Amino acid sequence: MAPRINLVGQRFGYLTVTKQVEPQLYQWRKRRAPLRVPQYEVKCDCGTVKITKAKLLRNGSVKSCGCRRYPVRTCPAPGDRPERRTVGREAAPALPAAAGRLDP
């Protein structure tokens, strides 16, 4: 069995490993003994503390707590908002009145 690597104090992307926590038991096959998957508590630069698997840290799958997944969206001040919001196109022009429309 390979020796365990201590990741405490190391940095992976935006995460810093703070301590090792109890390993997660993972049942791989019914007849085999469960595997012990090492897990670590990590702290992100934004201040969030999470628990993640050592394998995901080492292979680069996890680089942040999720705060860097999407760009920061800022909402304009209430007075600065346009009357009609559009996404990726101009506002639709007003439709002309129907010529042969019957009014009740």
C-alpha atoms as a PDB file:
ATOM      1  CA  MET A   1       0.000   0.000   0.000  1.00  0.00           C
ATOM      2  CA  ALA A   2       1.297   3.438  -0.903  1.00  0.00           C
ATOM      3  CA  PRO A   3       2.171   5.770   1.953  1.00  0.00           C
ATOM      4  CA  ARG A   4      -0.276   8.577   2.724  1.00  0.00           C
ATOM      5  CA  ILE A   5       0.822  12.021   1.608  1.00  0.00           C
ATOM      6  CA  ASN A   6       0.221  14.813   4.077  1.00  0.00           C
ATOM      7  CA  LEU A   7      -1.271  17.783   2.221  1.00  0.00           C
ATOM      8  CA  VAL A   8      -1.739  20.077   5.243  1.00  0.00           C
ATOM      9  CA  GLY A   9      -0.387  23.559   4.517  1.00  0.00           C
ATOM     10  CA  GLN A  10      -0.242  23.054   0.753  1.00  0.00           C
ATOM     11  CA  ARG A  11      -2.061  25.273  -1.706  1.00  0.00           C
ATOM     12  CA  PHE A  12      -4.169  24.062  -4.666  1.00  0.00           C
ATOM     13  CA  GLY A  13      -5.556  26.880  -6.827  1.00  0.00           C
ATOM     14  CA  TYR A  14      -7.532  29.134  -4.461  1.00  0.00           C
ATOM     15  CA  LEU A  15      -7.663  26.494  -1.699  1.00  0.00           C
ATOM     16  CA  THR A  16      -5.334  26.054   1.267  1.00  0.00           C
ATOM     17  CA  VAL A  17      -5.424  22.720   3.109  1.00  0.00           C
ATOM     18  CA  THR A  18      -5.959  23.316   6.838  1.00  0.00           C
ATOM     19  CA  LYS A  19      -6.322  19.827   8.337  1.00  0.00           C
ATOM     20  CA  GLN A  20      -7.015  16.185   7.587  1.00  0.00           C
ATOM     21  CA  VAL A  21     -10.451  14.878   8.580  1.00  0.00           C
ATOM     22  CA  GLU A  22     -11.867  11.374   9.068  1.00  0.00           C
ATOM     23  CA  PRO A  23     -11.602   9.379   5.821  1.00  0.00           C
ATOM     24  CA  GLN A  24     -14.763   8.495   3.943  1.00  0.00           C
ATOM     25  CA  LEU A  25     -15.568   4.802   3.597  1.00  0.00           C
ATOM     26  CA  TYR A  26     -16.329   3.827   0.021  1.00  0.00           C
ATOM     27  CA  GLN A  27     -17.739   0.394  -0.857  1.00  0.00           C
ATOM     28  CA  TRP A  28     -16.158  -0.506  -4.188  1.00  0.00           C
ATOM     29  CA  ARG A  29     -17.370  -4.091  -4.566  1.00  0.00           C
ATOM     30  CA  LYS A  30     -19.671  -6.150  -2.392  1.00  0.00           C
ATOM     31  CA  ARG A  31     -17.116  -8.802  -1.441  1.00  0.00           C
ATOM     32  CA  ARG A  32     -14.203  -6.490  -0.757  1.00  0.00           C
ATOM     33  CA  ALA A  33     -13.491  -4.444   2.327  1.00  0.00           C
ATOM     34  CA  PRO A  34     -14.494  -0.772   2.003  1.00  0.00           C
ATOM     35  CA  LEU A  35     -11.823   1.650   0.831  1.00  0.00           C
ATOM     36  CA  ARG A  36     -10.812   4.544   3.047  1.00  0.00           C
ATOM     37  CA  VAL A  37     -10.747   7.705   0.933  1.00  0.00           C
ATOM     38  CA  PRO A  38      -8.645  10.446   2.589  1.00  0.00           C
ATOM     39  CA  GLN A  39     -10.362  13.824   2.963  1.00  0.00           C
ATOM     40  CA  TYR A  40      -9.106  17.265   3.934  1.00  0.00           C
ATOM     41  CA  GLU A  41     -10.630  20.450   5.228  1.00  0.00           C
ATOM     42  CA  VAL A  42      -9.712  23.337   2.941  1.00  0.00           C
ATOM     43  CA  LYS A  43     -10.174  27.086   3.176  1.00  0.00           C
ATOM     44  CA  CYS A  44     -10.809  29.152   0.051  1.00  0.00           C
ATOM     45  CA  ASP A  45      -9.485  32.664  -0.502  1.00  0.00           C
ATOM     46  CA  CYS A  46     -13.078  33.941  -0.179  1.00  0.00           C
ATOM     47  CA  GLY A  47     -13.226  32.517   3.382  1.00  0.00           C
ATOM     48  CA  THR A  48     -15.398  29.435   2.786  1.00  0.00           C
ATOM     49  CA  VAL A  49     -14.361  26.220   4.549  1.00  0.00           C
ATOM     50  CA  LYS A  50     -15.148  22.921   2.792  1.00  0.00           C
ATOM     51  CA  ILE A  51     -14.213  19.250   2.965  1.00  0.00           C
ATOM     52  CA  THR A  52     -12.874  17.623  -0.189  1.00  0.00           C
ATOM     53  CA  LYS A  53     -11.148  14.394  -1.222  1.00  0.00           C
ATOM     54  CA  ALA A  54      -7.364  14.355  -1.512  1.00  0.00           C
ATOM     55  CA  LYS A  55      -7.521  12.777  -4.976  1.00  0.00           C
ATOM     56  CA  LEU A  56      -9.566  15.687  -6.332  1.00  0.00           C
ATOM     57  CA  LEU A  57      -7.079  18.194  -4.932  1.00  0.00           C
ATOM     58  CA  ARG A  58      -4.028  16.406  -6.328  1.00  0.00           C
ATOM     59  CA  ASN A  59      -5.373  15.838  -9.861  1.00  0.00           C
ATOM     60  CA  GLY A  60      -6.607  19.450 -10.194  1.00  0.00           C
ATOM     61  CA  SER A  61     -10.359  18.759 -10.353  1.00  0.00           C
ATOM     62  CA  VAL A  62     -11.021  21.064  -7.389  1.00  0.00           C
ATOM     63  CA  LYS A  63      -9.417  24.503  -7.413  1.00  0.00           C
ATOM     64  CA  SER A  64     -11.946  26.594  -5.464  1.00  0.00           C
ATOM     65  CA  CYS A  65     -15.031  26.238  -3.285  1.00  0.00           C
ATOM     66  CA  GLY A  66     -17.229  27.166  -6.251  1.00  0.00           C
ATOM     67  CA  CYS A  67     -16.929  30.915  -5.877  1.00  0.00           C
ATOM     68  CA  ARG A  68     -14.721  31.193  -8.986  1.00  0.00           C
ATOM     69  CA  ARG A  69     -16.961  29.074 -11.209  1.00  0.00           C
ATOM     70  CA  TYR A  70     -18.997  32.013 -12.494  1.00  0.00           C
ATOM     71  CA  PRO A  71     -17.965  35.673 -12.849  1.00  0.00           C
ATOM     72  CA  VAL A  72     -19.156  38.054 -10.165  1.00  0.00           C
ATOM     73  CA  ARG A  73     -22.465  39.622 -11.149  1.00  0.00           C
ATOM     74  CA  THR A  74     -23.132  43.096  -9.915  1.00  0.00           C
ATOM     75  CA  CYS A  75     -26.582  44.583  -9.890  1.00  0.00           C
ATOM     76  CA  PRO A  76     -26.857  48.263 -10.855  1.00  0.00           C
ATOM     77  CA  ALA A  77     -28.274  50.754  -8.411  1.00  0.00           C
ATOM     78  CA  PRO A  78     -32.108  51.044  -8.515  1.00  0.00           C
ATOM     79  CA  GLY A  79     -31.952  54.464 -10.181  1.00  0.00           C
ATOM     80  CA  ASP A  80     -29.561  53.254 -12.898  1.00  0.00           C
ATOM     81  CA  ARG A  81     -31.688  50.352 -14.148  1.00  0.00           C
ATOM     82  CA  PRO A  82     -33.120  50.613 -17.655  1.00  0.00           C
ATOM     83  CA  GLU A  83     -36.861  50.294 -18.037  1.00  0.00           C
ATOM     84  CA  ARG A  84     -36.643  47.082 -20.019  1.00  0.00           C
ATOM     85  CA  ARG A  85     -33.796  44.617 -19.696  1.00  0.00           C
ATOM     86  CA  THR A  86     -32.678  42.695 -22.755  1.00  0.00           C
ATOM     87  CA  VAL A  87     -30.088  39.954 -23.046  1.00  0.00           C
ATOM     88  CA  GLY A  88     -27.746  40.096 -26.018  1.00  0.00           C
ATOM     89  CA  ARG A  89     -30.032  42.065 -28.364  1.00  0.00           C
ATOM     90  CA  GLU A  90     -31.822  45.347 -28.782  1.00  0.00           C
ATOM     91  CA  ALA A  91     -35.247  45.918 -27.308  1.00  0.00           C
ATOM     92  CA  ALA A  92     -38.019  44.714 -29.632  1.00  0.00           C
ATOM     93  CA  PRO A  93     -39.805  47.517 -31.484  1.00  0.00           C
ATOM     94  CA  ALA A  94     -43.421  48.231 -30.632  1.00  0.00           C
ATOM     95  CA  LEU A  95     -45.897  46.358 -32.803  1.00  0.00           C
ATOM     96  CA  PRO A  96     -48.141  48.469 -35.066  1.00  0.00           C
ATOM     97  CA  ALA A  97     -51.853  48.490 -34.320  1.00  0.00           C
ATOM     98  CA  ALA A  98     -53.834  45.850 -36.198  1.00  0.00           C
ATOM     99  CA  ALA A  99     -55.557  47.357 -39.254  1.00  0.00           C
ATOM    100  CA  GLY A 100     -58.680  45.212 -39.350  1.00  0.00           C
ATOM    101  CA  ARG A 101     -59.086  44.664 -35.624  1.00  0.00           C
ATOM    102  CA  LEU A 102     -62.572  44.831 -34.170  1.00  0.00           C
ATOM    103  CA  ASP A 103     -62.894  46.632 -30.869  1.00  0.00           C
ATOM    104  CA  PRO A 104     -65.558  45.311 -28.487  1.00  0.00           C
END
